[in-house]
C-alpha cells in the first residue's frame, strides 16, 4: 500500500514536471514577443537554499527583501509587478517607495504594483523560504491568480530551486530562468 502510494506520487510529480518543461519551452520560443507586450512579473526573491544554511543566516527575512530594487522595472510601461514580500510594509515604507517611483517618472506605479505578503508566513519558522510560505498561503495564492488571470505572466525568482518549480506549476506560469538543478550546478566554482 505504501509502495503503491509512493509510486503514484512519483508518477504525478513526473507528469507535473513534464508539463512544466513543455510550458518553459513554449515560453522560450515566445520570449521575444512576450517582452514587447504587456506582462506581469511575479517577483519572489526567496533564498531557497538548504534548511541548515538558512538557519545560520542572520535577519533572514530582511535578506529576502534585499531585491526590492526590482520595483524599478516598472520603468517599462508594459510591465506590472507583483512583489512578494516576506513581511508587511508599514504605510510609511510603502509611501516612501511610491514616492521614489513617482520621482523616477514611473507612471501609474500605484496601479501597476501589487505587494503581496503570504498570510501564513508568521505561522511558520522564521527560516522558511518565502516561496515555501507562499505555497502554504491560499489567500495570497488566490490573490495572485486573480491578478494574473487571462494575462501574460511569469515568475522571477531569487535563487531558483524545486519550490519555485512547484510555485510555477501551481500558478501555471513559467519561470524567468533555467532549470534550477542546472542553474545551481553551473553557479558553483566546479560547475
Protein backbone atom coordinates (compact mmCIF):
# COMPACT_ATOMS: atom_id res chain seq x y z
CA UNK A 1 0.00 0.00 0.00
CA UNK A 2 2.75 2.47 0.97
CA UNK A 3 4.84 1.50 -2.05
CA UNK A 4 1.86 1.97 -4.38
CA UNK A 5 1.20 5.41 -2.89
CA UNK A 6 4.84 6.42 -3.31
CA UNK A 7 4.77 5.22 -6.91
CA UNK A 8 1.59 7.18 -7.62
CA UNK A 9 3.06 10.35 -6.07
CA UNK A 10 6.23 9.94 -8.12
CA UNK A 11 4.18 9.50 -11.32
CA UNK A 12 2.16 12.65 -10.56
CA UNK A 13 5.35 14.62 -9.83
CA UNK A 14 6.94 13.42 -13.07
CA UNK A 15 3.81 14.32 -15.04
CA UNK A 16 3.75 17.80 -13.49
CA UNK A 17 7.44 18.24 -14.26
CA UNK A 18 6.86 17.18 -17.88
CA UNK A 19 4.04 19.74 -18.27
CA UNK A 20 6.25 22.40 -16.65
CA UNK A 21 9.12 21.68 -19.06
CA UNK A 22 6.74 21.98 -22.02
CA UNK A 23 5.47 25.30 -20.64
CA UNK A 24 9.07 26.50 -20.29
CA UNK A 25 9.92 25.52 -23.88
CA UNK A 26 6.90 27.44 -25.15
CA UNK A 27 7.94 30.41 -23.01
CA UNK A 28 11.46 30.36 -24.51
CA UNK A 29 10.08 30.31 -28.05
CA UNK A 30 7.66 33.17 -27.37
CA UNK A 31 10.03 35.34 -25.28
CA UNK A 32 10.85 37.93 -28.00
CA UNK A 33 7.13 38.56 -28.50
CA UNK A 34 6.34 38.47 -24.76
CA UNK A 35 8.89 41.10 -23.80
CA UNK A 36 7.47 43.58 -26.30
CA UNK A 37 3.90 43.38 -24.92
CA UNK A 38 2.13 43.98 -21.61
CA UNK A 39 3.06 41.44 -18.99
CA UNK A 40 3.08 40.76 -15.27
CA UNK A 41 6.27 39.84 -13.44
CA UNK A 42 5.84 37.96 -10.16
CA UNK A 43 8.93 38.76 -8.10
CA UNK A 44 9.51 36.26 -5.32
CA UNK A 45 13.04 36.83 -4.03
CA UNK A 46 13.22 33.69 -1.98
CA UNK A 47 16.53 32.49 -0.56
CA UNK A 48 15.85 28.89 -1.44
CA UNK A 49 18.85 27.07 -0.01
CA UNK A 50 19.07 24.19 2.43
CA UNK A 51 17.45 24.44 5.87
CA UNK A 52 20.77 24.22 7.69
CA UNK A 53 22.19 27.19 5.76
CA UNK A 54 19.01 29.23 6.17
CA UNK A 55 19.08 28.66 9.94
CA UNK A 56 22.53 30.24 10.13
CA UNK A 57 21.59 33.42 8.22
CA UNK A 58 21.00 36.44 10.43
CA UNK A 59 18.00 38.65 9.63
CA UNK A 60 16.79 36.10 7.10
CA UNK A 61 13.54 37.84 6.13
CA UNK A 62 15.32 41.16 5.62
CA UNK A 63 17.82 39.45 3.31
CA UNK A 64 14.95 38.01 1.28
CA UNK A 65 13.68 41.55 0.86
CA UNK A 66 17.02 42.95 -0.40
CA UNK A 67 15.86 42.78 -4.02
CA UNK A 68 13.20 45.44 -3.51
CA UNK A 69 15.01 47.50 -6.13
CA UNK A 70 13.26 45.23 -8.64
CA UNK A 71 10.35 47.66 -8.30
CA UNK A 72 12.21 49.97 -10.68
CA UNK A 73 11.48 47.54 -13.51
CA UNK A 74 8.20 49.44 -13.61
CA UNK A 75 10.09 51.95 -15.80
CA UNK A 76 9.00 49.76 -18.67
CA UNK A 77 5.37 50.84 -19.25
CA UNK A 78 4.50 47.28 -20.38
CA UNK A 79 5.44 45.76 -17.01
CA UNK A 80 3.20 45.28 -13.99
CA UNK A 81 4.80 43.80 -10.88
CA UNK A 82 3.52 41.52 -8.17
CA UNK A 83 6.12 41.80 -5.42
CA UNK A 84 6.01 39.02 -2.83
CA UNK A 85 7.28 40.40 0.47
CA UNK A 86 8.27 38.29 3.48
CA UNK A 87 6.64 40.84 5.81
CA UNK A 88 4.06 43.60 5.70
CA UNK A 89 5.31 47.07 4.85
CA UNK A 90 4.20 49.93 7.04
CA UNK A 91 2.31 52.71 5.26
CA UNK A 92 5.36 54.95 5.66
CA UNK A 93 7.69 52.47 3.95
CA UNK A 94 5.26 51.77 1.14
CA UNK A 95 4.67 55.51 0.72
CA UNK A 96 8.45 56.03 0.57
CA UNK A 97 8.85 53.57 -2.30
CA UNK A 98 5.84 55.01 -4.13
CA UNK A 99 7.35 58.49 -3.79
CA UNK A 100 10.68 57.28 -5.19
CA UNK A 101 8.87 55.65 -8.12
CA UNK A 102 6.97 58.90 -8.67
CA UNK A 103 10.19 60.95 -8.61
CA UNK A 104 11.64 58.48 -11.13
CA UNK A 105 8.82 59.41 -13.55
CA UNK A 106 7.26 55.97 -13.36
CA UNK A 107 3.67 56.40 -14.42
CA UNK A 108 0.75 54.77 -12.60
CA UNK A 109 3.02 52.97 -10.13
CA UNK A 110 0.22 52.56 -7.59
CA UNK A 111 -1.96 50.65 -10.08
CA UNK A 112 0.88 48.65 -11.64
CA UNK A 113 2.46 47.43 -8.40
CA UNK A 114 0.89 44.83 -6.12
CA UNK A 115 2.66 43.94 -2.88
CA UNK A 116 1.52 40.60 -1.50
CA UNK A 117 2.53 39.09 1.82
CA UNK A 118 1.84 35.38 2.42
CA UNK A 119 -0.80 35.43 5.16
CA UNK A 120 0.57 32.32 6.88
CA UNK A 121 4.21 33.43 6.90
CA UNK A 122 4.08 34.28 10.62
CA UNK A 123 2.87 30.74 11.44
CA UNK A 124 5.99 29.06 10.07
CA UNK A 125 9.52 29.08 11.47
CA UNK A 126 11.45 32.21 10.55
CA UNK A 127 13.88 30.23 8.39
CA UNK A 128 11.17 29.07 5.95
CA UNK A 129 11.86 30.45 2.49
CA UNK A 130 9.47 32.97 1.01
CA UNK A 131 8.42 30.50 -1.67
CA UNK A 132 7.55 27.87 0.94
CA UNK A 133 5.46 30.38 2.89
CA UNK A 134 3.67 31.44 -0.28
CA UNK A 135 2.90 27.86 -1.29
CA UNK A 136 1.16 27.35 2.08
CA UNK A 137 -0.80 30.63 1.97
CA UNK A 138 -4.00 30.01 -0.03
CA UNK A 139 -5.34 33.58 0.19
CA UNK A 140 -2.14 35.05 -1.24
CA UNK A 141 -2.07 32.40 -3.98
CA UNK A 142 -5.70 33.15 -4.86
CA UNK A 143 -5.00 36.87 -4.99
CA UNK A 144 -2.06 36.30 -7.38
CA UNK A 145 -4.19 34.05 -9.58
CA UNK A 146 -6.90 36.72 -9.73
CA UNK A 147 -4.39 39.40 -10.75
CA UNK A 148 -2.77 37.29 -13.50
CA UNK A 149 -5.97 35.69 -14.82
CA UNK A 150 -6.05 35.98 -18.62
CA UNK A 151 -2.76 37.92 -18.78
CA UNK A 152 0.80 37.06 -19.74
CA UNK A 153 2.73 36.48 -16.52
CA UNK A 154 5.91 34.81 -15.40
CA UNK A 155 7.78 34.20 -12.15
CA UNK A 156 11.10 35.94 -11.41
CA UNK A 157 12.72 34.01 -8.54
CA UNK A 158 15.60 34.91 -6.26
CA UNK A 159 17.67 31.75 -6.25
CA UNK A 160 15.56 29.14 -8.01
CA UNK A 161 15.00 25.65 -6.63
CA UNK A 162 12.34 22.94 -6.71
CA UNK A 163 9.97 25.04 -4.57
CA UNK A 164 9.94 27.64 -7.34
CA UNK A 165 9.01 24.91 -9.82
CA UNK A 166 6.11 23.91 -7.52
CA UNK A 167 5.01 27.54 -7.34
CA UNK A 168 5.28 27.86 -11.12
CA UNK A 169 3.19 24.73 -11.63
CA UNK A 170 0.59 25.85 -9.08
CA UNK A 171 0.24 29.29 -10.68
CA UNK A 172 0.61 27.85 -14.22
CA UNK A 173 3.20 30.47 -15.14
CA UNK A 174 6.74 29.92 -16.45
CA UNK A 175 9.88 30.92 -14.58
CA UNK A 176 12.28 33.50 -16.00
CA UNK A 177 15.32 31.30 -15.50
CA UNK A 178 16.57 27.89 -16.48
CA UNK A 179 16.01 24.64 -14.70
CA UNK A 180 17.01 25.12 -11.03
CA UNK A 181 19.14 21.96 -10.85
CA UNK A 182 21.26 23.14 -13.80
CA UNK A 183 21.48 26.71 -12.54
CA UNK A 184 22.70 25.59 -9.14
CA UNK A 185 25.27 23.30 -10.76
CA UNK A 186 26.63 25.99 -13.08
CA UNK A 187 26.73 28.61 -10.34
CA UNK A 188 29.35 26.65 -8.42
CA UNK A 189 33.10 27.04 -8.98
CA UNK A 190 33.46 23.47 -10.24
CA UNK A 191 30.35 23.81 -12.46
